[in-house]
Amino acid sequence: MPPRDPAGLRRRISRLVTSPSSPVPPRAQSSSLLHLAWSGLRTFDLGDEELLLGMYRIVLLNGRREDYTCYLDAAQLIAHWPILRKMLGRGVRTAWEDRFVQCVVRE
């Protein structure tokens, strides 16, 4: 597998428009996430924090712009970022934190 292109990822994320009111389905169905979660769990109960974090990790690591706007909610992403950032590689984490200062964790 070729290494991720952090600069390319930053460009894609910089074009992303996220709204705190973006609709997020209460349950993400397997058919809608099949291109991202091709094995294992493909249906996520977003009322369960562990499953929500798992789905967000899959989308952040494997998603495209349309997946970000479809499956990620800005308020949820920011609220869970301190945990999510530990689940991501440095390139992905840095790209999101460079684009969205709300995601920067203050220590």
Protein backbone atom coordinates (compact mmCIF):
# COMPACT_ATOMS: atom_id res chain seq x y z
CA MET A 1 0.00 0.00 0.00
CA PRO A 2 1.48 3.39 -0.97
CA PRO A 3 2.06 5.88 1.88
CA ARG A 4 -0.64 8.47 2.47
CA ASP A 5 -0.08 11.84 0.89
CA PRO A 6 -0.51 14.31 3.79
CA ALA A 7 -0.36 17.32 1.45
CA GLY A 8 -3.03 15.83 -0.80
CA LEU A 9 -5.13 14.94 2.22
CA ARG A 10 -4.80 18.49 3.54
CA ARG A 11 -5.97 19.85 0.17
CA ARG A 12 -9.02 17.56 0.17
CA ILE A 13 -9.87 18.46 3.76
CA SER A 14 -9.37 22.18 3.09
CA ARG A 15 -12.14 21.96 0.47
CA LEU A 16 -14.45 20.28 2.96
CA VAL A 17 -17.40 22.26 4.21
CA THR A 18 -18.83 20.94 7.45
CA SER A 19 -21.89 22.28 9.15
CA PRO A 20 -22.79 21.65 12.79
CA SER A 21 -26.30 20.96 11.60
CA SER A 22 -25.33 18.45 8.92
CA PRO A 23 -27.74 15.54 9.02
CA VAL A 24 -26.34 12.35 10.49
CA PRO A 25 -28.54 9.28 10.35
CA PRO A 26 -29.21 7.69 13.77
CA ARG A 27 -28.06 4.39 12.32
CA ALA A 28 -25.60 4.14 9.44
CA GLN A 29 -26.62 1.17 7.31
CA SER A 30 -24.20 -1.37 5.86
CA SER A 31 -25.05 -0.63 2.24
CA SER A 32 -24.13 3.03 2.66
CA LEU A 33 -20.75 2.27 4.28
CA LEU A 34 -19.84 -0.75 2.16
CA HIS A 35 -17.19 1.15 0.19
CA LEU A 36 -15.50 2.17 3.48
CA ALA A 37 -16.08 -0.83 5.76
CA TRP A 38 -15.74 -3.78 3.41
CA SER A 39 -15.22 -6.33 6.18
CA GLY A 40 -16.43 -6.59 9.73
CA LEU A 41 -19.07 -4.33 11.21
CA ARG A 42 -20.92 -2.28 8.62
CA THR A 43 -23.94 -1.15 10.62
CA PHE A 44 -23.31 1.33 13.41
CA ASP A 45 -25.70 2.37 16.16
CA LEU A 46 -24.62 5.98 16.56
CA GLY A 47 -26.22 6.16 19.99
CA ASP A 48 -23.42 3.86 21.20
CA GLU A 49 -20.30 5.99 21.70
CA GLU A 50 -17.88 3.14 20.91
CA LEU A 51 -19.64 2.40 17.63
CA LEU A 52 -19.84 6.11 16.77
CA LEU A 53 -16.08 6.48 17.36
CA GLY A 54 -15.42 3.37 15.28
CA MET A 55 -17.48 4.68 12.38
CA TYR A 56 -15.86 8.12 12.57
CA ARG A 57 -12.41 6.48 12.54
CA ILE A 58 -13.31 4.48 9.43
CA VAL A 59 -14.64 7.57 7.66
CA LEU A 60 -11.68 9.75 8.68
CA LEU A 61 -9.13 7.15 7.55
CA ASN A 62 -10.80 5.85 4.39
CA GLY A 63 -13.39 8.42 3.38
CA ARG A 64 -13.62 10.97 0.63
CA ARG A 65 -15.10 14.46 0.72
CA GLU A 66 -18.62 13.19 0.06
CA ASP A 67 -18.23 10.69 2.92
CA TYR A 68 -17.08 13.44 5.30
CA THR A 69 -20.11 15.58 4.53
CA CYS A 70 -22.50 12.62 4.60
CA TYR A 71 -21.37 10.75 7.74
CA LEU A 72 -19.57 13.27 9.96
CA ASP A 73 -21.28 15.83 12.13
CA ALA A 74 -19.08 18.81 13.02
CA ALA A 75 -20.33 19.08 16.62
CA GLN A 76 -19.83 15.34 17.23
CA LEU A 77 -16.40 15.42 15.57
CA ILE A 78 -15.23 18.30 17.75
CA ALA A 79 -16.73 16.83 20.92
CA HIS A 80 -15.06 13.45 20.36
CA TRP A 81 -11.81 14.72 18.83
CA PRO A 82 -9.68 14.25 21.98
CA ILE A 83 -10.40 10.50 21.76
CA LEU A 84 -10.53 10.21 17.96
CA ARG A 85 -7.15 11.87 17.45
CA LYS A 86 -5.50 9.01 19.36
CA MET A 87 -7.08 6.53 16.93
CA LEU A 88 -5.64 8.19 13.80
CA GLY A 89 -2.23 8.30 12.21
CA ARG A 90 -0.17 11.46 12.50
CA GLY A 91 -0.79 12.56 8.88
CA VAL A 92 -4.57 12.31 9.14
CA ARG A 93 -4.65 13.88 12.60
CA THR A 94 -2.43 16.79 11.52
CA ALA A 95 -4.42 17.40 8.34
CA TRP A 96 -7.69 17.72 10.27
CA GLU A 97 -6.16 19.85 13.04
CA ASP A 98 -4.53 22.16 10.47
CA ARG A 99 -7.87 22.71 8.77
CA PHE A 100 -10.14 22.88 11.82
CA VAL A 101 -8.60 24.71 14.76
CA GLN A 102 -11.54 23.58 16.91
CA CYS A 103 -9.97 20.11 16.77
CA VAL A 104 -6.65 21.18 18.27
CA VAL A 105 -6.36 19.67 21.73
CA ARG A 106 -4.99 22.08 24.32
CA GLU A 107 -2.84 20.44 26.96
